[in-house]
Protein backbone atom coordinates (compact mmCIF):
# COMPACT_ATOMS: atom_id res chain seq x y z
CA MET A 1 -10.74 11.55 -15.07
CA ARG A 2 -13.48 12.48 -12.37
CA PHE A 3 -12.18 11.09 -8.82
CA GLY A 4 -14.21 10.63 -5.77
CA LEU A 5 -12.07 10.53 -2.43
CA LEU A 6 -13.00 7.86 0.14
CA GLY A 7 -11.87 8.78 3.43
CA THR A 8 -11.00 11.78 5.73
CA GLY A 9 -7.74 10.92 7.69
CA PRO A 10 -4.34 12.40 7.38
CA TRP A 11 -3.56 10.44 4.20
CA ALA A 12 -6.42 11.68 2.43
CA ARG A 13 -5.92 15.17 3.50
CA ALA A 14 -2.47 15.53 2.96
CA THR A 15 -1.41 13.37 0.00
CA GLN A 16 -4.40 11.96 -1.69
CA GLY A 17 -6.62 14.93 -2.08
CA PRO A 18 -3.92 17.55 -2.90
CA ALA A 19 -2.57 15.27 -5.47
CA LEU A 20 -5.62 14.83 -7.27
CA ILE A 21 -6.23 18.50 -7.06
CA ASP A 22 -2.67 19.39 -8.51
CA HIS A 23 -2.85 16.65 -11.22
CA PRO A 24 -3.50 18.18 -14.63
CA ASP A 25 -5.59 15.20 -15.89
CA THR A 26 -7.95 14.84 -12.76
CA GLU A 27 -10.80 16.53 -11.26
CA LEU A 28 -11.71 15.82 -7.63
CA VAL A 29 -15.49 15.67 -7.76
CA GLY A 30 -16.07 15.08 -3.86
CA VAL A 31 -15.39 13.60 -0.65
CA TRP A 32 -17.17 10.80 1.35
CA GLY A 33 -16.44 9.73 4.62
CA ARG A 34 -17.79 7.67 7.41
CA ARG A 35 -18.20 10.52 9.75
CA PRO A 36 -20.17 13.23 7.77
CA GLU A 37 -18.75 16.13 9.79
CA ALA A 38 -15.09 14.99 8.84
CA ALA A 39 -16.16 14.50 5.19
CA ALA A 40 -17.31 18.07 5.30
CA GLU A 41 -14.37 19.40 6.66
CA VAL A 42 -12.15 17.62 4.31
CA ALA A 43 -14.27 18.73 1.32
CA GLY A 44 -13.83 22.32 2.79
CA GLU A 45 -10.22 22.20 2.81
CA LEU A 46 -9.86 20.80 -0.58
CA GLY A 47 -12.51 23.15 -2.22
CA THR A 48 -14.77 20.38 -3.31
CA THR A 49 -18.01 18.81 -2.50
CA VAL A 50 -19.06 16.42 0.36
CA PHE A 51 -21.40 13.51 -0.51
CA GLU A 52 -23.29 12.09 2.48
CA ASP A 53 -24.38 9.26 0.12
CA VAL A 54 -21.35 7.11 -1.22
CA ASP A 55 -23.37 5.56 -3.89
CA GLU A 56 -24.13 9.31 -5.52
CA LEU A 57 -20.36 9.88 -5.42
CA LEU A 58 -19.75 6.92 -7.26
CA ALA A 59 -22.35 7.80 -9.93
CA ALA A 60 -20.67 11.02 -10.34
CA CYS A 61 -17.19 9.59 -10.82
CA ASP A 62 -14.99 7.68 -13.31
CA ALA A 63 -12.60 6.49 -10.43
CA VAL A 64 -12.20 6.80 -6.66
CA THR A 65 -9.19 6.69 -4.49
CA VAL A 66 -9.47 5.07 -1.07
CA ALA A 67 -7.80 6.30 2.16
CA LEU A 68 -9.65 4.14 4.54
CA PRO A 69 -8.54 1.16 7.04
CA PRO A 70 -7.92 -2.18 5.61
CA HIS A 71 -10.94 -3.92 6.85
CA ILE A 72 -12.99 -1.17 5.59
CA GLN A 73 -11.51 -0.96 2.03
CA PRO A 74 -12.41 -4.13 0.18
CA ASP A 75 -16.59 -3.76 0.46
CA LEU A 76 -16.49 -0.08 -0.60
CA ALA A 77 -13.76 -0.89 -3.34
CA ILE A 78 -16.23 -3.80 -4.49
CA ARG A 79 -18.96 -1.30 -4.61
CA ALA A 80 -16.95 1.18 -6.62
CA ALA A 81 -16.01 -1.37 -9.07
CA ARG A 82 -19.65 -2.69 -9.61
CA ALA A 83 -20.36 1.13 -10.25
CA GLY A 84 -17.82 1.03 -13.22
CA CYS A 85 -15.22 3.18 -11.16
CA HIS A 86 -11.45 2.59 -11.52
CA LEU A 87 -9.62 1.90 -8.45
CA LEU A 88 -6.67 3.64 -6.78
CA LEU A 89 -6.23 1.64 -3.48
CA ASP A 90 -4.18 1.86 -0.50
CA LYS A 91 -2.04 -0.80 0.96
CA PRO A 92 -2.64 -3.30 2.03
CA VAL A 93 -5.85 -3.92 0.02
CA ALA A 94 -7.52 -5.83 2.80
CA SER A 95 -6.76 -7.29 6.18
CA GLU A 96 -7.98 -10.91 5.31
CA ALA A 97 -6.82 -12.81 2.43
CA GLU A 98 -10.50 -13.76 1.41
CA ASP A 99 -11.59 -10.21 1.24
CA ALA A 100 -8.68 -9.51 -1.20
CA ARG A 101 -9.64 -12.29 -3.25
CA ARG A 102 -13.42 -10.94 -3.23
CA LEU A 103 -11.98 -7.66 -4.57
CA VAL A 104 -9.84 -9.25 -7.23
CA ALA A 105 -12.72 -10.97 -8.42
CA ALA A 106 -14.97 -8.02 -8.56
CA VAL A 107 -12.27 -5.91 -10.49
CA GLU A 108 -12.12 -8.43 -13.02
CA GLU A 109 -16.01 -9.12 -13.43
CA ALA A 110 -16.43 -5.14 -13.79
CA GLY A 111 -13.44 -4.88 -16.04
CA VAL A 112 -12.04 -1.69 -14.27
CA ALA A 113 -8.47 -0.70 -14.00
CA SER A 114 -6.72 -0.85 -10.58
CA VAL A 115 -3.71 0.43 -9.09
CA VAL A 116 -2.35 0.00 -5.40
CA PHE A 117 -0.46 2.68 -3.87
CA PHE A 118 2.88 1.08 -2.38
CA THR A 119 5.05 4.48 -1.92
CA LEU A 120 8.28 3.04 -2.73
CA ARG A 121 7.13 1.59 -6.27
CA PHE A 122 6.09 5.05 -7.23
CA ALA A 123 8.77 6.99 -5.46
CA PRO A 124 11.40 7.75 -8.54
CA ARG A 125 14.68 6.82 -6.81
CA ALA A 126 13.32 3.58 -5.32
CA ALA A 127 11.25 2.57 -8.29
CA GLU A 128 14.53 3.02 -10.63
CA TRP A 129 16.46 0.90 -8.11
CA ILE A 130 13.89 -1.88 -7.97
CA ALA A 131 13.66 -1.90 -11.86
CA GLU A 132 17.60 -1.89 -12.19
CA GLN A 133 17.90 -5.04 -9.66
CA ARG A 134 15.15 -6.81 -11.23
CA GLU A 135 16.99 -6.62 -14.70
CA VAL A 136 20.43 -7.70 -12.79
CA GLY A 137 18.78 -10.88 -11.39
CA GLY A 138 20.54 -13.68 -9.90
CA TRP A 139 20.19 -12.33 -6.45
CA LEU A 140 21.09 -14.98 -3.53
CA THR A 141 19.65 -13.33 -0.46
CA ALA A 142 18.18 -10.03 0.89
CA ARG A 143 17.88 -8.40 4.25
CA ALA A 144 15.13 -5.71 4.92
CA GLN A 145 14.28 -3.65 8.06
CA TRP A 146 11.67 -1.21 8.46
CA LEU A 147 11.64 0.12 11.94
CA SER A 148 9.54 3.02 12.81
CA ALA A 149 8.75 5.02 15.63
CA VAL A 150 5.21 5.99 14.93
CA LEU A 151 3.85 4.08 17.83
CA GLY A 152 7.13 4.17 19.78
CA GLY A 153 7.34 8.03 20.81
CA ARG A 154 7.62 9.89 17.65
CA GLU A 155 5.13 12.63 16.95
CA SER A 156 3.06 11.53 13.90
CA ALA A 157 -0.41 12.00 12.58
CA TYR A 158 -0.89 8.31 12.19
CA SER A 159 0.16 7.54 15.78
CA ALA A 160 -3.58 7.52 16.85
CA SER A 161 -4.65 5.11 13.95
CA PRO A 162 -6.50 2.27 15.69
CA TRP A 163 -6.17 -0.11 12.90
CA ARG A 164 -2.15 0.37 13.21
CA ARG A 165 -2.30 -0.08 16.79
CA GLU A 166 -4.41 -3.36 16.48
CA ARG A 167 -2.68 -4.87 13.35
CA GLY A 168 0.78 -3.71 13.90
CA ALA A 169 3.91 -3.19 11.60
CA LEU A 170 3.16 -6.45 9.87
CA TRP A 171 0.28 -4.86 8.07
CA ASP A 172 1.29 -1.39 7.83
CA VAL A 173 5.01 -1.37 6.88
CA GLY A 174 5.06 -5.00 5.71
CA PRO A 175 3.33 -4.38 2.48
CA HIS A 176 6.01 -1.71 1.69
CA VAL A 177 8.75 -3.99 2.17
CA LEU A 178 7.17 -6.81 0.14
CA SER A 179 6.44 -4.36 -2.62
CA VAL A 180 10.40 -4.11 -3.01
CA LEU A 181 11.28 -7.69 -2.67
CA LEU A 182 8.83 -9.57 -4.85
CA PRO A 183 9.65 -7.83 -7.92
CA VAL A 184 13.23 -8.32 -7.61
CA LEU A 185 13.53 -11.87 -6.03
CA GLY A 186 10.01 -13.32 -7.28
CA ASP A 187 7.01 -14.46 -5.46
CA VAL A 188 6.72 -16.20 -2.21
CA THR A 189 5.33 -19.41 -3.65
CA ASP A 190 6.09 -22.09 -0.86
CA THR A 191 4.09 -20.49 1.93
CA ASP A 192 4.63 -23.38 4.07
CA ARG A 193 8.22 -22.41 4.47
CA ILE A 194 7.38 -18.94 5.79
CA ALA A 195 8.86 -18.55 9.30
CA ALA A 196 7.88 -15.58 11.61
CA VAL A 197 8.77 -14.68 15.08
CA ARG A 198 7.53 -11.88 17.30
CA GLY A 199 9.77 -9.67 19.31
CA PRO A 200 9.13 -6.74 21.57
CA GLY A 201 6.23 -4.43 20.89
CA ASP A 202 4.89 -5.13 17.51
CA THR A 203 8.39 -6.45 16.32
CA VAL A 204 8.17 -9.16 13.82
CA ASN A 205 10.79 -11.11 12.14
CA LEU A 206 10.45 -12.94 8.75
CA LEU A 207 11.92 -15.53 6.80
CA LEU A 208 10.78 -15.63 3.28
CA PRO A 209 11.70 -18.26 0.65
CA HIS A 210 11.28 -16.84 -2.94
CA VAL A 211 10.32 -18.77 -6.10
CA GLY A 212 13.94 -18.36 -7.56
CA GLY A 213 15.64 -20.04 -4.53
CA ALA A 214 16.57 -16.71 -2.78
CA VAL A 215 15.54 -16.32 0.98
CA SER A 216 14.94 -12.74 2.45
CA THR A 217 14.99 -11.87 6.23
CA VAL A 218 12.69 -9.13 7.25
CA THR A 219 12.43 -7.24 10.44
CA LEU A 220 9.29 -4.88 11.03
CA SER A 221 8.33 -2.59 13.83
CA LEU A 222 6.32 0.57 14.68
CA THR A 223 7.38 0.63 18.18
CA VAL A 224 11.02 1.20 18.24
CA PRO A 225 12.49 4.57 19.84
CA PRO A 226 12.98 7.30 17.55
CA GLU A 227 16.78 6.58 17.90
CA ALA A 228 16.42 2.86 16.62
CA ALA A 229 14.14 3.89 13.49
CA VAL A 230 15.67 2.78 10.09
CA VAL A 231 14.41 2.02 6.64
CA GLU A 232 16.65 -0.38 4.65
CA ALA A 233 17.03 -3.17 2.11
CA GLU A 234 20.04 -4.88 0.98
CA LEU A 235 20.53 -7.37 -1.76
CA ARG A 236 23.47 -9.83 -2.24
CA GLY A 237 24.60 -12.10 -5.11
CA PRO A 238 27.07 -12.69 -7.78
CA THR A 239 27.44 -9.08 -8.52
CA GLY A 240 28.11 -8.09 -5.17
CA ALA A 241 25.72 -5.95 -2.81
CA THR A 242 23.29 -3.06 -3.43
CA ARG A 243 21.33 -0.97 -1.10
CA LEU A 244 17.74 0.71 -1.48
CA PRO A 245 18.60 4.43 -1.77
CA GLU A 246 17.76 6.33 1.38
CA ARG A 247 14.02 7.57 1.16
CA ASP A 248 13.34 10.98 0.13
CA ARG A 249 11.45 12.90 2.95
CA GLY A 250 8.16 14.38 1.62
CA VAL A 251 7.99 12.34 -1.52
CA ALA A 252 4.64 10.69 -1.03
CA PRO A 253 2.54 13.46 -2.86
CA LEU A 254 4.87 13.25 -5.80
CA ALA A 255 4.66 9.36 -5.74
CA PHE A 256 0.92 9.46 -5.50
CA GLY A 257 1.03 11.50 -8.56
CA ARG A 258 2.74 8.93 -10.45
CA ALA A 259 0.38 6.37 -9.17
CA ILE A 260 -2.59 8.43 -10.63
CA ASP A 261 -0.55 8.44 -14.06
CA ALA A 262 -0.46 4.67 -13.71
CA LEU A 263 -4.16 4.38 -13.28
CA LEU A 264 -4.88 6.80 -15.90
CA GLU A 265 -2.68 4.78 -18.32
CA ALA A 266 -4.24 1.40 -17.40
CA ALA A 267 -7.69 2.92 -17.72
CA ARG A 268 -7.04 3.97 -21.23
CA GLY A 269 -6.35 0.36 -22.41
CA GLY A 270 -2.74 0.13 -21.46
CA GLU A 271 -1.14 -2.83 -19.82
CA PRO A 272 -2.14 -3.84 -16.55
CA HIS A 273 0.24 -1.98 -13.97
CA PRO A 274 2.30 -4.49 -11.71
CA CYS A 275 0.90 -2.82 -8.75
CA ASP A 276 -2.55 -3.77 -9.57
CA VAL A 277 -5.19 -5.40 -7.39
CA ARG A 278 -3.90 -8.87 -8.06
CA PHE A 279 -0.51 -7.91 -6.73
CA GLY A 280 -2.08 -6.30 -3.84
CA ALA A 281 -4.09 -9.38 -3.02
CA ARG A 282 -0.85 -11.62 -3.22
CA VAL A 283 0.86 -9.22 -0.66
CA THR A 284 -2.21 -9.67 1.65
CA GLU A 285 -2.15 -13.64 1.27
CA ILE A 286 1.52 -13.46 2.26
CA LEU A 287 1.14 -11.18 5.35
CA ALA A 288 -2.06 -13.51 6.42
CA VAL A 289 0.42 -16.58 6.48
CA ALA A 290 3.10 -14.75 8.20
CA GLU A 291 0.79 -13.47 10.79
CA GLU A 292 -0.48 -17.00 11.44
CA ARG A 293 3.14 -18.28 11.75
CA ALA A 294 3.83 -15.52 14.36
CA GLY A 295 0.97 -15.97 16.48
CA LYS A 296 -0.87 -13.38 18.54
CA ARG A 297 1.15 -10.40 19.97
CA GLY A 298 1.78 -10.83 23.77
């Protein structure tokens, strides 16, 4: 499958581009970016072609992978879908619920396949754990924390990201946590009962009611000091308690390769992947309600 890469940031350089080059069933046709000089640099690093006209790249591809901020992604993804390209999108699929719904409509109208890359849903150990807990069922409550020092003093390629600084942890790591909780506990159907309280920095605390009756509590932050950083999730129910396996460092390229596999399978006529654009849009809708409940950052 011929892929185009939209975006030139650290994620495109370190994960998406290399994974497409290494995958045995994909060809990286070219790179497009909002800054032509950056696109040329990334294309040179990856040994592929730079495209200054995004429509020319779309015409040369069967699919695109997107490494762009969530307020930029929807319009370009819609454009790609209308050009007949399958979509491998980043999370969140949009920063506004209406944009996410427009994207879903465009994908359905075009009849293209879609996969949204939620890292934990494609990382082998985490994905296996999520599937096992979904089979067990009957969970009563869940507690999840994703506390990162990306904006709290730890050196990171993502520390300078303008959209992360503007929208904060709710929109950056919130999708990851929801991608774990929703398949196990069920959708958050009664959004009127979502509660959200802001804490120091960009920290936000959520209370989420799930369709099966379980309630989850979530704490998110990008601004904790390195000593306070943690990623964890715990479920409790009649069978006791279970914890999400500790994250494997450096697993993103492997996980992204598995996301490519999922898109290839869906594009060949397989069942839509659970992490398709519809699921991505639902995550965006829940985050939008939570942001409204939390109010503006101080």
